[in-house]
Amino acid sequence: GDGHTSAFTGAGAFIPRRFQELGFRKRSLDPWLDTIIENKILTHDAFVHAGLASLRPATGCFEMCYSEDLASHVCAQVGDGPFVLKLSARQRSCGVVIVDANGLSKVLCSLLGSESQEDARRTSCDVGDTPRGWADAAQSAAVLSGFDEAVAHWRAD
């Protein structure tokens, strides 16, 4: 995609187009600042280093493997919610899901799959292993939206 919209659906494409219509052009940032802004971990570290940690919400980093007690580990580390679940390797809201504490375990299971689903994926022949499979997967993903699109992002990692 163009780096400003979802590569899955194109959602948000109207935003940069409207900015251009209004006369605003995309400014390139200096490489250092661009790196900080585009990297969640570096952004967090920059806030902490500058003494601004209180401006950031509590965060945690967890292995992308579902377990029955994952939700309780998340709550123990970052509080009682609501939670913004994000992929560290994605940008511009791809795969972002917001959930309260009551729905956290169910949503994590949907996003990450249960251990039995993961085992089944590992032992089955993956259609994504061939160029034709990649094309089929991309075509299927192009019509996704909402939570289904978020699940596709999470399962792609």
N, C-alpha and C. Protein backbone atom coordinates (compact mmCIF):
# COMPACT_ATOMS: atom_id res chain seq x y z
N GLY A 1 0.82 -1.18 0.00
CA GLY A 1 0.00 0.00 0.00
C GLY A 1 0.86 1.24 0.00
N ASP A 2 0.22 2.37 0.19
CA ASP A 2 0.93 3.65 0.17
C ASP A 2 1.51 4.01 1.53
N GLY A 3 1.39 3.12 2.51
CA GLY A 3 1.94 3.39 3.82
C GLY A 3 1.02 4.21 4.70
N HIS A 4 -0.11 4.65 4.19
CA HIS A 4 -1.04 5.45 4.97
C HIS A 4 -2.40 4.79 5.11
N THR A 5 -2.61 3.69 4.43
CA THR A 5 -3.89 3.03 4.47
C THR A 5 -3.68 1.54 4.69
N SER A 6 -4.73 0.85 5.02
CA SER A 6 -4.65 -0.59 5.19
C SER A 6 -4.40 -1.25 3.85
N ALA A 7 -3.36 -2.07 3.80
CA ALA A 7 -3.08 -2.79 2.56
C ALA A 7 -4.13 -3.85 2.29
N PHE A 8 -4.89 -4.22 3.33
CA PHE A 8 -5.92 -5.22 3.15
C PHE A 8 -7.16 -4.63 2.49
N THR A 9 -7.62 -3.47 2.98
CA THR A 9 -8.90 -2.95 2.52
C THR A 9 -8.81 -1.60 1.83
N GLY A 10 -7.69 -0.90 2.00
CA GLY A 10 -7.60 0.46 1.47
C GLY A 10 -8.33 1.46 2.34
N ALA A 11 -8.83 1.01 3.51
CA ALA A 11 -9.55 1.92 4.40
C ALA A 11 -8.64 3.07 4.78
N GLY A 12 -9.17 4.26 4.74
CA GLY A 12 -8.41 5.44 5.11
C GLY A 12 -7.76 6.14 3.94
N ALA A 13 -7.90 5.60 2.74
CA ALA A 13 -7.26 6.20 1.57
C ALA A 13 -7.76 7.62 1.33
N PHE A 14 -8.97 7.91 1.76
CA PHE A 14 -9.53 9.25 1.55
C PHE A 14 -8.81 10.31 2.39
N ILE A 15 -8.15 9.91 3.47
CA ILE A 15 -7.52 10.89 4.37
C ILE A 15 -6.34 11.57 3.69
N PRO A 16 -5.31 10.84 3.20
CA PRO A 16 -4.23 11.55 2.53
C PRO A 16 -4.69 12.25 1.25
N ARG A 17 -5.68 11.67 0.57
CA ARG A 17 -6.20 12.30 -0.65
C ARG A 17 -6.82 13.66 -0.31
N ARG A 18 -7.58 13.72 0.79
CA ARG A 18 -8.23 14.97 1.19
C ARG A 18 -7.19 16.00 1.63
N PHE A 19 -6.15 15.56 2.34
CA PHE A 19 -5.08 16.47 2.73
C PHE A 19 -4.42 17.09 1.49
N GLN A 20 -4.20 16.26 0.46
CA GLN A 20 -3.61 16.78 -0.78
C GLN A 20 -4.53 17.79 -1.44
N GLU A 21 -5.85 17.49 -1.44
CA GLU A 21 -6.82 18.41 -2.03
C GLU A 21 -6.82 19.75 -1.31
N LEU A 22 -6.53 19.72 -0.02
CA LEU A 22 -6.49 20.96 0.77
C LEU A 22 -5.15 21.68 0.66
N GLY A 23 -4.23 21.10 -0.10
CA GLY A 23 -2.95 21.76 -0.32
C GLY A 23 -1.83 21.30 0.59
N PHE A 24 -2.08 20.33 1.44
CA PHE A 24 -1.03 19.81 2.31
C PHE A 24 -0.27 18.70 1.58
N ARG A 25 1.01 18.73 1.65
CA ARG A 25 1.84 17.70 1.06
C ARG A 25 2.49 16.88 2.16
N LYS A 26 2.77 15.63 1.86
CA LYS A 26 3.45 14.78 2.84
C LYS A 26 4.88 15.29 2.97
N ARG A 27 5.24 15.61 4.20
CA ARG A 27 6.61 16.07 4.45
C ARG A 27 7.45 14.88 4.86
N SER A 28 8.63 14.82 4.32
CA SER A 28 9.53 13.78 4.80
C SER A 28 10.21 14.30 6.06
N LEU A 29 10.30 13.43 7.03
CA LEU A 29 10.94 13.79 8.28
C LEU A 29 12.42 13.46 8.19
N ASP A 30 13.17 14.01 9.12
CA ASP A 30 14.57 13.60 9.09
C ASP A 30 14.63 12.13 9.50
N PRO A 31 15.64 11.39 9.05
CA PRO A 31 15.68 9.93 9.28
C PRO A 31 15.58 9.53 10.75
N TRP A 32 16.18 10.30 11.64
CA TRP A 32 16.14 9.95 13.07
C TRP A 32 14.71 10.05 13.60
N LEU A 33 14.04 11.18 13.32
CA LEU A 33 12.68 11.38 13.81
C LEU A 33 11.73 10.39 13.18
N ASP A 34 11.88 10.13 11.88
CA ASP A 34 11.03 9.16 11.19
C ASP A 34 11.16 7.78 11.82
N THR A 35 12.38 7.38 12.16
CA THR A 35 12.61 6.08 12.80
C THR A 35 11.91 6.01 14.14
N ILE A 36 12.01 7.06 14.94
CA ILE A 36 11.36 7.07 16.26
C ILE A 36 9.84 6.97 16.11
N ILE A 37 9.27 7.74 15.21
CA ILE A 37 7.81 7.76 15.06
C ILE A 37 7.29 6.43 14.54
N GLU A 38 8.00 5.79 13.62
CA GLU A 38 7.53 4.56 13.00
C GLU A 38 7.75 3.32 13.86
N ASN A 39 8.52 3.41 14.93
CA ASN A 39 8.84 2.25 15.74
C ASN A 39 8.26 2.42 17.14
N LYS A 40 7.27 1.59 17.49
CA LYS A 40 6.58 1.72 18.77
C LYS A 40 7.52 1.58 19.96
N ILE A 41 8.45 0.66 19.88
CA ILE A 41 9.35 0.42 21.00
C ILE A 41 10.30 1.61 21.18
N LEU A 42 10.87 2.10 20.08
CA LEU A 42 11.73 3.28 20.19
C LEU A 42 10.96 4.50 20.68
N THR A 43 9.71 4.65 20.22
CA THR A 43 8.89 5.77 20.68
C THR A 43 8.69 5.69 22.19
N HIS A 44 8.35 4.51 22.66
CA HIS A 44 8.17 4.32 24.10
C HIS A 44 9.45 4.66 24.86
N ASP A 45 10.58 4.13 24.39
CA ASP A 45 11.86 4.38 25.05
C ASP A 45 12.21 5.87 25.04
N ALA A 46 11.90 6.57 23.94
CA ALA A 46 12.18 8.01 23.86
C ALA A 46 11.35 8.77 24.90
N PHE A 47 10.09 8.40 25.07
CA PHE A 47 9.24 9.03 26.09
C PHE A 47 9.82 8.81 27.48
N VAL A 48 10.22 7.59 27.77
CA VAL A 48 10.78 7.26 29.09
C VAL A 48 12.06 8.04 29.31
N HIS A 49 12.95 8.05 28.31
CA HIS A 49 14.23 8.74 28.42
C HIS A 49 14.04 10.24 28.67
N ALA A 50 13.00 10.83 28.08
CA ALA A 50 12.74 12.26 28.23
C ALA A 50 11.97 12.57 29.51
N GLY A 51 11.71 11.55 30.34
CA GLY A 51 10.98 11.78 31.58
C GLY A 51 9.49 11.97 31.38
N LEU A 52 8.97 11.47 30.28
CA LEU A 52 7.55 11.65 29.95
C LEU A 52 6.76 10.35 30.05
N ALA A 53 7.27 9.38 30.78
CA ALA A 53 6.61 8.07 30.86
C ALA A 53 5.18 8.18 31.38
N SER A 54 4.90 9.17 32.20
CA SER A 54 3.55 9.32 32.75
C SER A 54 2.52 9.67 31.68
N LEU A 55 2.98 10.14 30.52
CA LEU A 55 2.06 10.47 29.43
C LEU A 55 1.66 9.26 28.61
N ARG A 56 2.37 8.16 28.78
CA ARG A 56 2.09 6.95 28.03
C ARG A 56 1.27 5.99 28.88
N PRO A 57 0.33 5.28 28.26
CA PRO A 57 -0.40 4.27 29.03
C PRO A 57 0.52 3.10 29.39
N ALA A 58 0.11 2.34 30.38
CA ALA A 58 0.88 1.14 30.74
C ALA A 58 0.91 0.20 29.55
N THR A 59 2.05 -0.42 29.33
CA THR A 59 2.20 -1.32 28.18
C THR A 59 2.83 -2.63 28.62
N GLY A 60 2.67 -3.61 27.80
CA GLY A 60 3.29 -4.90 28.03
C GLY A 60 3.57 -5.56 26.69
N CYS A 61 4.54 -6.43 26.69
CA CYS A 61 4.89 -7.17 25.49
C CYS A 61 4.77 -8.65 25.82
N PHE A 62 4.01 -9.36 25.04
CA PHE A 62 3.72 -10.77 25.33
C PHE A 62 3.99 -11.62 24.11
N GLU A 63 4.36 -12.87 24.36
CA GLU A 63 4.55 -13.81 23.28
C GLU A 63 3.22 -14.04 22.55
N MET A 64 3.27 -14.21 21.26
CA MET A 64 2.04 -14.38 20.48
C MET A 64 1.61 -15.84 20.50
N CYS A 65 1.30 -16.29 21.69
CA CYS A 65 0.88 -17.68 21.89
C CYS A 65 -0.24 -17.67 22.92
N TYR A 66 -1.42 -18.13 22.53
CA TYR A 66 -2.55 -18.10 23.45
C TYR A 66 -2.42 -19.17 24.52
N SER A 67 -2.79 -18.80 25.73
CA SER A 67 -2.92 -19.75 26.82
C SER A 67 -4.10 -19.30 27.67
N GLU A 68 -4.65 -20.22 28.45
CA GLU A 68 -5.84 -19.92 29.25
C GLU A 68 -5.59 -18.76 30.23
N ASP A 69 -4.33 -18.59 30.67
CA ASP A 69 -4.04 -17.55 31.66
C ASP A 69 -3.42 -16.29 31.06
N LEU A 70 -3.38 -16.18 29.73
CA LEU A 70 -2.79 -15.01 29.09
C LEU A 70 -3.51 -13.72 29.51
N ALA A 71 -4.83 -13.72 29.52
CA ALA A 71 -5.58 -12.51 29.89
C ALA A 71 -5.23 -12.07 31.30
N SER A 72 -5.09 -13.01 32.22
CA SER A 72 -4.74 -12.62 33.60
C SER A 72 -3.32 -12.06 33.67
N HIS A 73 -2.39 -12.57 32.84
CA HIS A 73 -1.03 -12.02 32.78
C HIS A 73 -1.06 -10.59 32.24
N VAL A 74 -1.88 -10.35 31.22
CA VAL A 74 -2.01 -9.01 30.65
C VAL A 74 -2.54 -8.06 31.71
N CYS A 75 -3.62 -8.45 32.39
CA CYS A 75 -4.21 -7.60 33.44
C CYS A 75 -3.21 -7.31 34.55
N ALA A 76 -2.44 -8.33 34.95
CA ALA A 76 -1.47 -8.15 36.02
C ALA A 76 -0.39 -7.14 35.63
N GLN A 77 -0.02 -7.12 34.35
CA GLN A 77 1.06 -6.23 33.92
C GLN A 77 0.59 -4.82 33.60
N VAL A 78 -0.59 -4.68 32.99
CA VAL A 78 -0.99 -3.34 32.52
C VAL A 78 -2.26 -2.80 33.17
N GLY A 79 -2.88 -3.53 34.07
CA GLY A 79 -4.06 -3.01 34.74
C GLY A 79 -5.34 -3.66 34.26
N ASP A 80 -6.45 -3.03 34.61
CA ASP A 80 -7.77 -3.62 34.38
C ASP A 80 -8.44 -3.21 33.07
N GLY A 81 -7.76 -2.47 32.24
CA GLY A 81 -8.32 -2.13 30.94
C GLY A 81 -9.08 -0.83 30.97
N PRO A 82 -9.65 -0.44 29.85
CA PRO A 82 -9.71 -1.18 28.60
C PRO A 82 -8.32 -1.35 27.99
N PHE A 83 -8.22 -2.28 27.04
CA PHE A 83 -6.94 -2.66 26.45
C PHE A 83 -6.93 -2.33 24.97
N VAL A 84 -5.79 -1.86 24.50
CA VAL A 84 -5.56 -1.65 23.08
C VAL A 84 -4.53 -2.69 22.68
N LEU A 85 -4.97 -3.69 21.95
CA LEU A 85 -4.08 -4.77 21.53
C LEU A 85 -3.48 -4.40 20.18
N LYS A 86 -2.14 -4.39 20.13
CA LYS A 86 -1.45 -3.97 18.92
C LYS A 86 -0.34 -4.95 18.60
N LEU A 87 -0.05 -5.08 17.35
CA LEU A 87 1.08 -5.89 16.89
C LEU A 87 2.31 -4.99 16.83
N SER A 88 3.42 -5.44 17.38
CA SER A 88 4.62 -4.59 17.39
C SER A 88 5.20 -4.40 16.00
N ALA A 89 4.93 -5.32 15.09
CA ALA A 89 5.52 -5.24 13.75
C ALA A 89 4.60 -4.55 12.74
N ARG A 90 3.48 -4.00 13.19
CA ARG A 90 2.55 -3.35 12.26
C ARG A 90 2.48 -1.86 12.55
N GLN A 91 2.05 -1.09 11.57
CA GLN A 91 1.95 0.35 11.72
C GLN A 91 0.58 0.82 11.30
N ARG A 92 0.30 2.04 11.67
CA ARG A 92 -0.91 2.75 11.26
C ARG A 92 -2.19 1.96 11.53
N SER A 93 -2.27 1.42 12.71
CA SER A 93 -3.49 0.77 13.22
C SER A 93 -3.83 -0.57 12.59
N CYS A 94 -2.95 -1.16 11.81
CA CYS A 94 -3.23 -2.48 11.24
C CYS A 94 -3.33 -3.50 12.36
N GLY A 95 -4.48 -4.13 12.49
CA GLY A 95 -4.66 -5.17 13.49
C GLY A 95 -4.98 -4.69 14.89
N VAL A 96 -5.20 -3.38 15.08
CA VAL A 96 -5.50 -2.86 16.41
C VAL A 96 -6.90 -3.28 16.84
N VAL A 97 -6.99 -3.79 18.07
CA VAL A 97 -8.28 -4.21 18.63
C VAL A 97 -8.39 -3.61 20.03
N ILE A 98 -9.54 -3.03 20.33
CA ILE A 98 -9.79 -2.46 21.66
C ILE A 98 -10.82 -3.35 22.35
N VAL A 99 -10.53 -3.72 23.59
CA VAL A 99 -11.39 -4.66 24.30
C VAL A 99 -11.35 -4.36 25.80
N ASP A 100 -12.45 -4.65 26.50
CA ASP A 100 -12.44 -4.48 27.95
C ASP A 100 -12.00 -5.79 28.61
N ALA A 101 -11.82 -5.74 29.92
CA ALA A 101 -11.30 -6.90 30.65
C ALA A 101 -12.21 -8.12 30.52
N ASN A 102 -13.53 -7.91 30.47
CA ASN A 102 -14.46 -9.04 30.38
C ASN A 102 -14.31 -9.83 29.09
N GLY A 103 -13.96 -9.17 27.99
CA GLY A 103 -13.85 -9.85 26.71
C GLY A 103 -12.43 -10.18 26.31
N LEU A 104 -11.46 -9.85 27.16
CA LEU A 104 -10.05 -9.99 26.79
C LEU A 104 -9.66 -11.42 26.43
N SER A 105 -9.99 -12.38 27.25
CA SER A 105 -9.57 -13.76 26.99
C SER A 105 -10.15 -14.28 25.68
N LYS A 106 -11.43 -14.00 25.44
CA LYS A 106 -12.09 -14.47 24.21
C LYS A 106 -11.45 -13.83 22.97
N VAL A 107 -11.17 -12.54 23.05
CA VAL A 107 -10.56 -11.84 21.91
C VAL A 107 -9.15 -12.34 21.67
N LEU A 108 -8.37 -12.54 22.74
CA LEU A 108 -7.02 -13.07 22.57
C LEU A 108 -7.05 -14.45 21.92
N CYS A 109 -8.00 -15.28 22.32
CA CYS A 109 -8.13 -16.60 21.72
C CYS A 109 -8.46 -16.48 20.23
N SER A 110 -9.35 -15.55 19.89
CA SER A 110 -9.70 -15.35 18.48
C SER A 110 -8.52 -14.85 17.66
N LEU A 111 -7.76 -13.92 18.24
CA LEU A 111 -6.63 -13.34 17.52
C LEU A 111 -5.46 -14.30 17.38
N LEU A 112 -5.17 -15.02 18.45
CA LEU A 112 -3.98 -15.87 18.47
C LEU A 112 -4.28 -17.32 18.17
N GLY A 113 -5.53 -17.71 18.31
CA GLY A 113 -5.89 -19.12 18.14
C GLY A 113 -5.52 -19.91 19.37
N SER A 114 -6.24 -20.96 19.61
CA SER A 114 -5.94 -21.81 20.76
C SER A 114 -4.75 -22.69 20.41
N GLU A 115 -4.17 -23.33 21.40
CA GLU A 115 -3.03 -24.21 21.16
C GLU A 115 -3.40 -25.34 20.20
N SER A 116 -4.62 -25.86 20.29
CA SER A 116 -5.02 -26.94 19.39
C SER A 116 -5.15 -26.43 17.96
N GLN A 117 -5.63 -25.19 17.77
CA GLN A 117 -5.70 -24.61 16.43
C GLN A 117 -4.30 -24.40 15.87
N GLU A 118 -3.37 -23.95 16.72
CA GLU A 118 -1.99 -23.72 16.29
C GLU A 118 -1.34 -25.04 15.87
N ASP A 119 -1.55 -26.10 16.65
CA ASP A 119 -1.00 -27.41 16.29
C ASP A 119 -1.54 -27.88 14.94
N ALA A 120 -2.84 -27.66 14.71
CA ALA A 120 -3.45 -28.08 13.45
C ALA A 120 -2.85 -27.30 12.28
N ARG A 121 -2.58 -26.00 12.49
CA ARG A 121 -1.98 -25.20 11.42
C ARG A 121 -0.57 -25.70 11.09
N ARG A 122 0.19 -26.07 12.12
CA ARG A 122 1.56 -26.52 11.90
C ARG A 122 1.61 -27.84 11.14
N THR A 123 0.62 -28.71 11.35
CA THR A 123 0.67 -30.03 10.74
C THR A 123 -0.03 -30.08 9.39
N SER A 124 -0.80 -29.06 9.05
CA SER A 124 -1.50 -29.09 7.77
C SER A 124 -0.63 -28.45 6.68
N CYS A 125 -0.93 -28.79 5.45
CA CYS A 125 -0.23 -28.19 4.32
C CYS A 125 -0.78 -26.78 4.14
N ASP A 126 0.09 -25.79 4.20
CA ASP A 126 -0.34 -24.40 4.14
C ASP A 126 -0.41 -23.93 2.70
N VAL A 127 -1.59 -23.48 2.27
CA VAL A 127 -1.77 -23.01 0.90
C VAL A 127 -0.91 -21.78 0.63
N GLY A 128 -0.50 -21.07 1.68
CA GLY A 128 0.32 -19.88 1.51
C GLY A 128 1.77 -20.18 1.16
N ASP A 129 2.13 -21.43 0.99
CA ASP A 129 3.50 -21.79 0.67
C ASP A 129 3.82 -21.67 -0.81
N THR A 130 2.85 -21.34 -1.64
CA THR A 130 3.08 -21.24 -3.07
C THR A 130 2.66 -19.85 -3.55
N PRO A 131 3.22 -19.39 -4.66
CA PRO A 131 2.79 -18.08 -5.18
C PRO A 131 1.29 -18.02 -5.43
N ARG A 132 0.71 -19.11 -5.92
CA ARG A 132 -0.74 -19.11 -6.14
C ARG A 132 -1.48 -18.99 -4.81
N GLY A 133 -0.96 -19.67 -3.79
CA GLY A 133 -1.54 -19.57 -2.46
C GLY A 133 -1.47 -18.15 -1.91
N TRP A 134 -0.35 -17.47 -2.16
CA TRP A 134 -0.20 -16.08 -1.70
C TRP A 134 -1.23 -15.19 -2.39
N ALA A 135 -1.40 -15.40 -3.70
CA ALA A 135 -2.37 -14.60 -4.45
C ALA A 135 -3.79 -14.85 -3.94
N ASP A 136 -4.12 -16.12 -3.68
CA ASP A 136 -5.45 -16.44 -3.15
C ASP A 136 -5.66 -15.79 -1.79
N ALA A 137 -4.64 -15.87 -0.93
CA ALA A 137 -4.75 -15.28 0.41
C ALA A 137 -4.93 -13.77 0.32
N ALA A 138 -4.19 -13.11 -0.56
CA ALA A 138 -4.30 -11.65 -0.72
C ALA A 138 -5.68 -11.27 -1.24
N GLN A 139 -6.20 -12.05 -2.18
CA GLN A 139 -7.53 -11.76 -2.72
C GLN A 139 -8.60 -11.92 -1.66
N SER A 140 -8.48 -12.96 -0.84
CA SER A 140 -9.43 -13.18 0.25
C SER A 140 -9.35 -12.06 1.27
N ALA A 141 -8.13 -11.64 1.60
CA ALA A 141 -7.94 -10.61 2.62
C ALA A 141 -8.46 -9.25 2.17
N ALA A 142 -8.50 -9.00 0.87
CA ALA A 142 -8.90 -7.70 0.36
C ALA A 142 -10.35 -7.35 0.69
N VAL A 143 -11.18 -8.33 0.98
CA VAL A 143 -12.58 -8.07 1.27
C VAL A 143 -12.88 -8.07 2.77
N LEU A 144 -11.87 -8.25 3.60
CA LEU A 144 -12.08 -8.29 5.04
C LEU A 144 -12.22 -6.89 5.61
N SER A 145 -12.93 -6.79 6.73
CA SER A 145 -13.03 -5.51 7.44
C SER A 145 -13.28 -5.80 8.91
N GLY A 146 -13.15 -4.78 9.71
CA GLY A 146 -13.45 -4.89 11.14
C GLY A 146 -12.59 -5.94 11.84
N PHE A 147 -13.23 -6.70 12.71
CA PHE A 147 -12.51 -7.68 13.52
C PHE A 147 -11.90 -8.78 12.65
N ASP A 148 -12.58 -9.16 11.57
CA ASP A 148 -12.03 -10.19 10.67
C ASP A 148 -10.71 -9.72 10.06
N GLU A 149 -10.62 -8.44 9.72
CA GLU A 149 -9.36 -7.90 9.19
C GLU A 149 -8.28 -7.93 10.26
N ALA A 150 -8.64 -7.57 11.49
CA ALA A 150 -7.66 -7.59 12.60
C ALA A 150 -7.14 -9.01 12.82
N VAL A 151 -8.04 -9.99 12.80
CA VAL A 151 -7.63 -11.39 12.97
C VAL A 151 -6.64 -11.78 11.87
N ALA A 152 -6.92 -11.36 10.63
CA ALA A 152 -6.02 -11.69 9.52
C ALA A 152 -4.63 -11.11 9.75
N HIS A 153 -4.56 -9.88 10.26
CA HIS A 153 -3.26 -9.29 10.57
C HIS A 153 -2.53 -10.08 11.65
N TRP A 154 -3.25 -10.44 12.70
CA TRP A 154 -2.63 -11.18 13.80
C TRP A 154 -2.17 -12.55 13.36
N ARG A 155 -2.96 -13.23 12.57
CA ARG A 155 -2.59 -14.58 12.13
C ARG A 155 -1.47 -14.54 11.08
N ALA A 156 -1.31 -13.40 10.40
CA ALA A 156 -0.24 -13.28 9.39
C ALA A 156 1.13 -13.18 10.04
N ASP A 157 1.16 -12.71 11.28
CA ASP A 157 2.47 -12.58 11.96
C ASP A 157 2.88 -13.92 12.41
